[in-house]
Protein backbone atom coordinates (compact mmCIF):
# COMPACT_ATOMS: atom_id res chain seq x y z
CA MET A 1 0.11 0.12 0.06
CA ASN A 2 2.74 2.64 0.74
CA ALA A 3 4.64 1.92 -2.36
CA LEU A 4 1.50 2.19 -4.15
CA LEU A 5 1.01 5.57 -2.68
CA LYS A 6 4.51 6.78 -3.14
CA THR A 7 4.32 5.78 -6.83
CA LEU A 8 0.93 7.91 -7.43
CA THR A 9 2.43 10.80 -5.61
CA LEU A 10 5.40 10.87 -7.67
CA SER A 11 3.46 10.49 -10.85
CA PHE A 12 1.83 13.76 -9.85
CA LEU A 13 4.84 15.67 -9.01
CA VAL A 14 6.07 14.53 -12.48
CA ALA A 15 2.91 15.54 -14.41
CA PHE A 16 2.81 19.12 -13.13
CA PRO A 17 5.64 21.20 -13.32
CA TYR A 18 6.74 23.08 -9.92
CA LEU A 19 5.76 26.54 -9.72
CA ALA A 20 7.56 28.58 -6.91
CA ASP A 21 4.33 30.72 -6.06
CA ALA A 22 2.42 27.90 -4.27
CA GLN A 23 -1.24 29.11 -2.96
CA LYS A 24 -4.32 26.93 -1.93
CA GLY A 25 -7.28 27.32 -3.67
CA ILE A 26 -9.10 28.23 -0.29
CA GLU A 27 -6.80 31.26 -0.20
CA ASP A 28 -7.18 32.72 -3.67
CA GLY A 29 -10.57 31.03 -4.43
CA SER A 30 -9.51 29.30 -7.60
CA THR A 31 -10.36 25.70 -8.32
CA PHE A 32 -7.45 23.90 -7.25
CA GLY A 33 -4.70 26.53 -6.13
CA HIS A 34 -1.43 27.46 -7.63
CA GLY A 35 1.87 26.02 -7.83
CA GLU A 36 2.78 23.27 -5.43
CA ASP A 37 -0.57 23.38 -3.90
CA SER A 38 -2.48 23.06 -7.01
CA ILE A 39 -0.25 19.57 -7.56
CA ASN A 40 -1.15 18.46 -4.07
CA CYS A 41 -4.87 19.20 -4.34
CA ARG A 42 -5.33 17.32 -7.63
CA ALA A 43 -3.40 14.41 -6.29
CA ASN A 44 -5.61 14.46 -2.97
CA LEU A 45 -8.77 14.63 -5.16
CA SER A 46 -7.53 11.53 -7.48
CA LEU A 47 -6.42 9.63 -4.64
CA TYR A 48 -9.37 9.76 -2.39
CA ARG A 49 -11.84 9.12 -5.46
CA ASP A 50 -9.82 6.00 -6.09
CA TYR A 51 -10.38 4.76 -2.56
CA ILE A 52 -13.97 5.90 -2.74
CA ARG A 53 -14.87 3.60 -5.79
CA GLN A 54 -13.25 0.72 -3.77
CA ARG A 55 -15.19 2.01 -0.76
CA ASP A 56 -12.28 2.03 1.28
CA TYR A 57 -13.53 5.13 3.49
CA GLU A 58 -10.76 4.34 6.16
CA THR A 59 -8.17 5.13 3.50
CA ALA A 60 -10.19 7.88 1.55
CA ILE A 61 -10.62 10.15 4.53
CA ARG A 62 -7.10 10.47 4.60
CA PHE A 63 -6.77 12.22 1.18
CA TRP A 64 -10.44 13.78 1.40
CA ARG A 65 -9.61 16.12 4.19
CA PRO A 66 -6.91 17.97 2.73
CA ALA A 67 -8.81 18.40 -0.22
CA PHE A 68 -11.76 19.49 1.69
CA ARG A 69 -9.79 22.09 3.76
CA GLU A 70 -7.60 23.31 0.62
CA CYS A 71 -9.62 22.97 -2.36
CA PRO A 72 -13.14 23.49 -1.56
CA VAL A 73 -14.31 24.83 -4.82
CA SER A 74 -12.63 22.13 -6.78
CA THR A 75 -15.76 19.73 -7.30
CA LYS A 76 -19.10 19.17 -5.61
CA ASN A 77 -18.19 15.77 -5.38
CA LEU A 78 -15.95 16.79 -2.40
CA TYR A 79 -19.02 16.98 -0.35
CA ILE A 80 -21.01 14.38 -1.99
CA ASP A 81 -18.35 11.92 -0.99
CA GLY A 82 -17.90 13.64 2.40
CA VAL A 83 -21.42 12.78 3.36
CA LYS A 84 -20.75 9.25 2.15
CA ILE A 85 -17.27 9.01 4.35
CA TYR A 86 -18.84 10.26 7.64
CA LYS A 87 -22.37 8.19 7.25
CA TYR A 88 -19.68 5.38 6.94
CA PHE A 89 -17.93 6.26 10.22
CA ILE A 90 -21.07 7.08 12.13
CA GLY A 91 -22.83 3.89 10.93
CA LYS A 92 -19.72 1.84 12.85
CA GLU A 93 -18.84 4.09 15.87
CA LYS A 94 -19.85 3.17 19.33
CA ASN A 95 -17.94 5.41 21.37
CA ALA A 96 -20.35 8.61 22.05
CA GLU A 97 -17.80 11.07 22.11
CA SER A 98 -16.43 9.99 18.57
CA LEU A 99 -20.07 9.61 17.17
CA SER A 100 -20.70 13.06 18.21
CA ALA A 101 -17.73 14.39 16.45
CA TYR A 102 -18.26 12.70 13.29
CA ILE A 103 -22.00 13.90 13.15
CA ASP A 104 -20.49 17.30 13.70
CA SER A 105 -18.44 17.05 10.89
CA LEU A 106 -21.33 15.92 8.55
CA MET A 107 -22.98 18.83 9.52
CA LEU A 108 -20.08 21.09 8.67
CA VAL A 109 -19.63 19.33 5.03
CA TYR A 110 -23.37 20.52 4.50
CA ASP A 111 -22.57 23.89 5.76
CA GLN A 112 -19.32 24.31 3.62
CA ARG A 113 -21.16 23.11 0.39
CA ILE A 114 -23.84 25.81 1.20
CA HIS A 115 -21.27 28.32 1.42
CA TYR A 116 -19.27 27.70 -1.61
CA TYR A 117 -22.54 26.72 -3.63
CA PRO A 118 -25.21 29.14 -2.55
CA ASN A 119 -27.47 27.91 -5.30
CA ASP A 120 -27.59 24.43 -3.58
CA LYS A 121 -28.68 25.80 -0.25
CA GLY A 122 -32.81 24.73 -0.74
CA ASP A 123 -31.62 21.08 -1.44
CA GLN A 124 -28.66 20.74 0.98
CA ARG A 125 -30.64 22.21 3.76
CA GLY A 126 -33.17 19.92 3.51
CA ARG A 127 -30.71 16.63 3.47
CA GLN A 128 -28.96 18.40 6.34
CA GLY A 129 -32.21 18.70 8.44
CA VAL A 130 -33.27 14.90 7.62
CA ASP A 131 -29.58 13.78 8.54
CA LEU A 132 -29.67 15.98 12.00
CA LEU A 133 -32.86 14.30 13.10
CA ARG A 134 -31.92 10.89 11.89
CA TYR A 135 -28.79 11.00 14.10
CA ARG A 136 -29.90 13.24 17.00
CA ARG A 137 -33.56 13.02 17.48
CA ASN A 138 -32.99 11.29 20.90
CA ASP A 139 -30.52 13.99 22.29
CA ASP A 140 -31.24 17.40 23.52
CA ILE A 141 -34.00 18.90 21.69
CA LYS A 142 -31.79 22.05 20.69
CA TYR A 143 -30.93 19.60 17.72
CA ILE A 144 -34.73 19.10 16.98
CA GLN A 145 -35.07 22.98 16.99
CA GLN A 146 -32.02 23.46 14.81
CA ALA A 147 -33.31 20.52 12.42
CA TYR A 148 -36.77 22.13 12.21
CA GLY A 149 -35.20 25.18 11.18
CA TYR A 150 -33.04 23.76 8.54
CA LEU A 151 -36.03 21.82 7.01
CA LYS A 152 -38.45 24.90 6.87
CA GLU A 153 -35.68 26.75 5.31
CA SER A 154 -35.47 24.09 2.58
CA ILE A 155 -39.29 23.98 1.99
CA ASN A 156 -39.28 27.80 1.60
CA LEU A 157 -36.28 27.64 -0.72
CA GLU A 158 -37.18 24.62 -2.86
CA LYS A 159 -40.98 25.11 -2.62
CA LYS A 160 -42.86 22.52 -4.77
CA LYS A 161 -39.66 20.86 -5.50
CA CYS A 162 -39.01 19.78 -2.08
CA SER A 163 -38.28 16.08 -1.39
CA GLU A 164 -41.21 13.80 0.36
CA ALA A 165 -38.32 12.96 3.13
CA VAL A 166 -37.79 16.89 3.54
CA ILE A 167 -41.94 17.42 4.01
CA ALA A 168 -42.44 14.40 6.56
CA THR A 169 -39.37 15.20 8.79
CA TYR A 170 -40.34 18.70 8.85
CA PHE A 171 -43.86 17.87 10.13
CA THR A 172 -42.55 15.55 12.45
CA SER A 173 -40.46 17.88 14.03
CA SER A 174 -42.86 20.55 14.02
CA PHE A 175 -45.41 18.19 15.94
CA THR A 176 -42.47 17.25 18.53
CA LEU A 177 -41.61 20.86 19.15
CA PHE A 178 -45.46 21.90 19.73
CA GLU A 179 -45.75 18.78 21.96
CA ASN A 180 -42.88 20.08 24.01
CA GLN A 181 -44.37 23.44 23.94
CA GLN A 182 -41.36 24.79 21.87
CA ILE A 183 -43.29 26.54 19.32
CA ASP A 184 -47.17 28.00 19.82
CA GLU A 185 -50.36 26.62 18.25
CA ASN A 186 -50.20 29.34 15.23
CA THR A 187 -46.70 28.36 14.21
CA PHE A 188 -47.94 24.59 14.48
CA ILE A 189 -50.87 25.19 12.04
CA ASP A 190 -48.87 27.10 9.76
CA ASP A 191 -46.31 24.28 9.70
CA TYR A 192 -49.25 21.79 9.04
CA ILE A 193 -50.67 23.91 6.21
CA LEU A 194 -47.29 24.29 4.60
CA SER A 195 -46.36 20.59 4.73
CA SER A 196 -49.86 19.59 3.51
CA ARG A 197 -49.78 21.92 0.55
CA ASN A 198 -46.69 20.59 -0.67
CA LEU A 199 -47.81 16.74 -0.09
CA LEU A 200 -51.16 17.43 -1.94
CA PHE A 201 -49.41 18.97 -4.83
CA LYS A 202 -47.30 15.88 -5.36
CA LEU A 203 -50.24 13.67 -4.99
CA LYS A 204 -52.12 15.55 -7.53
CA LYS A 205 -49.51 14.27 -9.92
CA ILE A 206 -49.06 10.57 -8.66
CA PRO A 207 -52.39 10.03 -6.17
CA ALA A 208 -51.37 6.34 -5.73
CA ASN A 209 -48.01 6.73 -4.78
CA LYS A 210 -47.58 4.64 -1.45
CA THR A 211 -44.96 6.53 0.11
CA LEU A 212 -46.76 10.03 -0.25
CA ASN A 213 -49.97 8.35 0.76
CA ASP A 214 -48.51 7.12 4.04
CA ILE A 215 -46.51 10.53 4.80
CA ARG A 216 -49.95 12.14 4.68
CA ALA A 217 -51.66 9.47 6.75
CA ALA A 218 -48.98 9.89 9.63
CA GLN A 219 -49.10 13.58 9.33
CA ASP A 220 -52.91 13.85 9.59
CA LEU A 221 -52.87 11.45 12.49
CA ASN A 222 -50.29 13.61 14.32
CA PHE A 223 -52.40 16.93 13.39
CA GLN A 224 -55.42 15.15 14.62
CA LYS A 225 -53.73 14.36 18.07
CA ALA A 226 -52.43 17.85 18.65
CA ALA A 227 -54.39 20.31 20.69
CA VAL A 228 -55.27 22.83 18.23
CA GLY A 229 -58.47 24.78 18.80
CA CYS A 230 -61.20 25.27 15.94
CA GLU A 231 -61.17 29.01 16.08
CA ASN A 232 -57.43 29.45 15.56
CA LEU A 233 -57.67 26.63 12.88
CA GLN A 234 -60.53 28.52 11.05
CA ASN A 235 -58.71 31.89 11.40
CA LYS A 236 -55.66 30.59 9.50
CA LEU A 237 -57.66 28.84 6.81
CA ALA A 238 -60.33 31.52 5.85
CA PRO A 239 -58.01 33.76 4.23
CA ILE A 240 -56.74 30.84 1.93
CA PHE A 241 -60.20 30.11 1.08
CA GLU A 242 -61.05 33.71 0.17
CA GLU A 243 -57.83 34.25 -1.83
CA ASN A 244 -58.99 31.39 -4.46
CA LYS A 245 -62.44 29.58 -3.84
CA GLN A 246 -61.93 27.66 -7.03
CA ASP A 247 -58.66 26.14 -6.33
CA THR A 248 -59.01 22.46 -5.36
CA LEU A 249 -55.80 21.68 -3.74
CA ASN A 250 -56.74 24.69 -1.26
CA LEU A 251 -60.03 23.30 -0.74
CA GLN A 252 -59.03 19.67 -0.15
CA LEU A 253 -56.20 21.29 2.52
CA ILE A 254 -59.35 23.25 4.30
CA THR A 255 -61.88 20.30 4.36
CA ASN A 256 -59.46 17.73 5.43
CA ALA A 257 -57.94 19.97 8.58
CA LEU A 258 -61.36 20.88 9.59
CA ASN A 259 -62.50 17.50 9.45
CA LEU A 260 -59.52 15.95 11.24
CA LYS A 261 -60.27 18.62 14.21
CA GLY A 262 -63.92 17.96 14.38
CA CYS A 263 -64.69 21.55 13.12
CA THR A 264 -67.35 20.75 10.54
CA GLY A 265 -69.93 23.00 12.20
CA SER A 266 -68.62 26.22 10.58
CA ASN A 267 -69.88 28.01 7.56
CA LEU A 268 -66.22 27.81 6.24
CA PHE A 269 -66.46 23.92 6.37
CA TYR A 270 -69.97 23.98 4.86
CA GLU A 271 -68.96 26.32 1.84
CA ALA A 272 -65.42 24.70 0.96
CA SER A 273 -67.06 21.23 1.30
CA GLY A 274 -69.90 22.04 -1.19
CA ILE A 275 -67.72 23.89 -3.73
CA TYR A 276 -64.77 21.08 -3.42
CA TYR A 277 -67.43 18.47 -4.04
CA GLU A 278 -68.77 20.12 -7.11
CA MET A 279 -65.29 20.73 -8.55
CA ALA A 280 -63.41 17.71 -7.80
CA PRO A 281 -65.80 14.65 -7.04
CA SER A 282 -63.93 12.00 -5.43
CA ALA A 283 -64.10 9.54 -2.64
CA GLU A 284 -62.39 12.06 -0.35
CA SER A 285 -64.88 14.98 -1.40
CA ALA A 286 -68.13 12.68 -1.06
CA ALA A 287 -66.98 11.48 2.41
CA LEU A 288 -66.57 15.27 3.30
CA MET A 289 -70.17 15.73 2.17
CA GLY A 290 -71.51 12.66 3.88
CA SER A 291 -69.96 14.16 7.27
CA LEU A 292 -71.63 17.59 6.37
CA ALA A 293 -75.13 16.08 5.92
CA TYR A 294 -74.63 13.84 8.65
CA GLU A 295 -73.92 16.58 11.11
CA LYS A 296 -77.06 18.37 9.61
CA GLY A 297 -79.07 15.40 10.56
CA GLU A 298 -79.61 14.62 6.56
CA TYR A 299 -79.35 11.34 6.83
CA SER A 300 -80.63 9.98 3.41
CA ASP A 301 -78.30 12.30 1.91
CA ALA A 302 -75.43 11.33 4.03
CA VAL A 303 -76.15 7.69 3.19
CA ASP A 304 -75.80 8.59 -0.70
CA TYR A 305 -72.57 10.31 -0.33
CA PHE A 306 -71.02 7.82 1.78
CA LYS A 307 -71.97 5.16 -0.72
CA GLN A 308 -70.30 7.05 -3.21
CA ALA A 309 -67.17 7.50 -1.39
CA VAL A 310 -67.01 3.67 -0.70
CA SER A 311 -67.32 2.81 -4.36
CA LEU A 312 -64.86 5.50 -5.51
CA GLU A 313 -61.99 4.63 -2.66
CA THR A 314 -59.06 2.15 -3.30
CA ASP A 315 -57.39 2.49 -0.25
CA THR A 316 -58.43 0.16 2.16
CA VAL A 317 -57.90 2.07 5.41
CA LYS A 318 -59.92 5.01 3.96
CA LYS A 319 -62.59 2.71 2.64
CA ALA A 320 -63.11 1.12 6.13
CA ALA A 321 -63.69 4.63 7.50
CA TYR A 322 -66.08 5.47 4.82
CA LEU A 323 -67.97 2.34 5.48
CA LEU A 324 -68.01 3.11 9.14
CA GLY A 325 -69.36 6.54 8.30
CA LEU A 326 -72.26 4.90 6.43
CA SER A 327 -72.89 2.43 9.12
CA LYS A 328 -73.20 5.28 11.82
CA THR A 329 -75.78 6.95 9.54
CA TYR A 330 -77.81 3.71 9.43
CA TYR A 331 -77.59 3.48 12.98
CA LYS A 332 -79.02 7.12 13.06
CA GLN A 333 -82.00 6.00 10.72
CA ASN A 334 -82.34 3.13 13.12
CA ARG A 335 -81.31 0.75 10.49
CA LYS A 336 -79.50 -1.54 12.59
CA PRO A 337 -79.06 -4.59 10.60
CA ASP A 338 -77.82 -2.43 7.74
CA ALA A 339 -75.41 -0.65 10.29
CA ARG A 340 -74.21 -3.72 11.41
CA GLN A 341 -73.34 -4.76 7.93
CA GLY A 342 -71.30 -1.74 7.20
CA ALA A 343 -69.46 -2.09 10.32
CA LEU A 344 -68.62 -5.98 9.38
CA ASP A 345 -67.57 -4.60 5.91
CA ALA A 346 -65.35 -2.26 7.65
CA ILE A 347 -63.59 -4.96 10.09
CA LYS A 348 -62.93 -7.10 6.99
CA LEU A 349 -60.93 -4.52 5.47
CA ARG A 350 -59.28 -3.46 8.71
CA PRO A 351 -59.49 -6.01 11.15
CA SER A 352 -57.20 -4.56 13.96
CA TRP A 353 -59.69 -1.70 13.92
CA GLY A 354 -61.74 -1.66 17.19
CA ASP A 355 -64.20 1.12 16.51
CA PRO A 356 -66.62 -1.07 14.16
CA TYR A 357 -66.77 -3.37 17.08
CA ILE A 358 -67.80 -0.64 19.55
CA LEU A 359 -70.79 0.53 17.16
CA ILE A 360 -72.11 -3.01 16.72
CA GLY A 361 -72.02 -3.65 20.60
CA GLN A 362 -73.96 -0.31 20.62
CA LEU A 363 -76.47 -1.67 18.37
CA TYR A 364 -76.76 -4.63 20.32
CA ALA A 365 -77.25 -2.87 23.60
CA GLU A 366 -80.07 -0.65 21.93
CA SER A 367 -82.27 -3.47 20.88
CA SER A 368 -84.18 -3.83 23.73
CA ASP A 369 -87.26 -2.38 21.83
CA GLU A 370 -86.78 -4.82 18.62
CA CYS A 371 -85.84 -7.95 20.86
CA SER A 372 -88.52 -7.88 23.51
CA SER A 373 -90.15 -10.70 22.38
CA LEU A 374 -87.00 -12.76 23.23
CA ALA A 375 -87.11 -15.48 25.93
CA LEU A 376 -84.24 -13.86 27.98
CA PRO A 377 -84.61 -10.34 26.52
CA LYS A 378 -81.52 -8.94 28.49
CA SER A 379 -79.43 -11.60 26.93
CA ILE A 380 -78.76 -8.94 24.18
CA TYR A 381 -76.42 -7.52 26.78
CA TRP A 382 -74.29 -10.63 26.74
CA VAL A 383 -73.56 -10.09 22.94
CA ALA A 384 -73.27 -6.35 23.30
CA VAL A 385 -70.43 -7.05 25.79
CA ASP A 386 -68.75 -9.65 23.78
CA LYS A 387 -68.30 -6.84 21.22
CA PHE A 388 -66.73 -4.35 23.50
CA TYR A 389 -64.23 -6.91 24.59
CA ARG A 390 -63.49 -7.87 21.14
CA ALA A 391 -62.81 -4.01 20.29
CA LYS A 392 -60.12 -3.60 22.86
CA GLN A 393 -58.65 -7.09 22.14
CA VAL A 394 -57.91 -6.33 18.43
CA ASP A 395 -57.23 -2.46 19.24
CA PRO A 396 -55.78 -1.51 22.44
CA SER A 397 -56.48 1.99 21.91
CA CYS A 398 -60.33 1.35 22.23
CA THR A 399 -59.57 0.18 25.79
CA GLU A 400 -60.74 3.13 27.84
CA GLN A 401 -63.83 3.50 25.92
CA ALA A 402 -64.60 -0.35 25.91
CA ASP A 403 -64.19 -0.85 29.66
CA LYS A 404 -66.69 2.13 30.37
CA LEU A 405 -69.24 0.59 28.01
CA ILE A 406 -68.49 -3.02 29.65
CA VAL A 407 -69.12 -1.71 32.96
CA THR A 408 -72.34 0.16 31.96
CA TYR A 409 -73.96 -2.85 30.23
CA SER A 410 -72.86 -5.70 32.65
CA GLN A 411 -74.94 -4.70 35.21
CA TYR A 412 -77.75 -5.13 32.86
CA PHE A 413 -76.98 -8.74 32.54
CA PRO A 414 -80.00 -11.18 33.17
CA ASN A 415 -80.03 -12.78 36.80
CA LYS A 416 -79.87 -16.49 37.92
CA GLU A 417 -83.68 -16.37 38.52
CA ASP A 418 -84.72 -15.02 35.18
CA ALA A 419 -82.29 -17.82 33.56
CA PHE A 420 -83.61 -20.69 35.87
CA PHE A 421 -87.34 -20.26 34.53
CA GLN A 422 -85.76 -20.51 30.84
CA ASN A 423 -83.69 -23.78 31.91
CA ILE A 424 -80.63 -21.53 30.99
CA HIS A 425 -77.34 -22.19 33.11
CA GLU A 426 -74.22 -20.31 33.65
CA GLY A 427 -71.17 -21.02 31.32
CA ALA A 428 -73.63 -22.38 28.89
CA THR A 429 -73.75 -21.60 24.83
CA TYR A 430 -76.76 -19.47 24.37
CA THR A 431 -77.90 -18.12 20.95
CA VAL A 432 -79.45 -14.59 20.94
CA ASN A 433 -81.77 -14.57 18.28
CA CYS A 434 -84.16 -11.45 16.90
CA TRP A 435 -82.33 -9.58 14.34
CA ILE A 436 -78.94 -10.56 16.01
CA ASN A 437 -78.49 -14.05 15.87
CA GLU A 438 -75.36 -14.38 17.83
CA THR A 439 -73.92 -16.94 19.84
CA THR A 440 -72.59 -16.40 23.48
CA LYS A 441 -71.77 -17.53 26.86
CA VAL A 442 -74.12 -17.36 29.73
CA ARG A 443 -73.17 -15.25 32.62
CA PHE A 444 -75.04 -13.28 35.54
């Protein structure tokens, strides 16, 4: 190895005549510097590139470092390869202090590229923010704040060209900062609007893209969980609506955001939903109209809209949600068998979702009038409670709601005396007929 290095270095010294006035590129702003420093720069660039091609990063860094320091505008490959080199060392380092130093060096590579190639700033700030969160998300929150700043700068510079990784990481960092009271509600809403606009723009071009749809679903879930009030949200969205009432992306953003936060009673939601549906009939807009009709008590219209949403939707998770919306509408119409079928169809598409089981349990528990002719009318509470148990079994997020319902309806179970006269014994299998037709275990 040493003989090879000496031979290569000698070849560069022979190839380039010696100039007395040596000067580094970093000193005079030239590509390679001048004189002997120019020879050294070219030699280091060629040598480190050879080792990069061999993926020998341990040796490559010995020649990369002086090239990075002394001829920073010689080639962008310095920075592309510098990122590769430091990610290699970060990936294998176990010592915390050394790891931190490598991460700092990686950040320096991004900063220096931005300094010498300012036109790359938008793209590089995005990559820098993603990497900073990748490697320091579990460190001090100041790093999340720093990454958040990089990512926001990237989106503002790149606009619709920004990558999905930047959009996803930006809103994740915003949500983390909001949850830790590092940014206020208005800033968080602005961040949601900014990232959503970019996502929806990309999805308009490639609506079936799984990565983009997964990012949007995760982003919407975080926004739904965040403590954002309807008044502030409406105040942020109203000017967007007034700016251009015919912009379908804006309409989609407005209606989706208001729907996620349950702010569907406003005139803004009503007007935006109507225009959005007229301009761009789709599963999403039909479902929004269904929700709006449901809120207004116009259940026949709601059924029609939800049916349309179900027929147009291809994503199984969204279709399950629309089926549950249809099921709840049937419930309001006292069409219990239809409501149950809608919930069962939702379960087929999304087996680990507890909400449809909760609804079926409530349908059973509220069937005392329809099922009063049963030999043991209170047996409906057995099958109702079965569904509540099933809900929390498949979906732990339903546990609190399910447990409350279990406590509420278990007190209405038949007593032993009533069962005795029907020759029904504890632990036996029992079929609850009426419209329910489900088998359960007898308990008192």
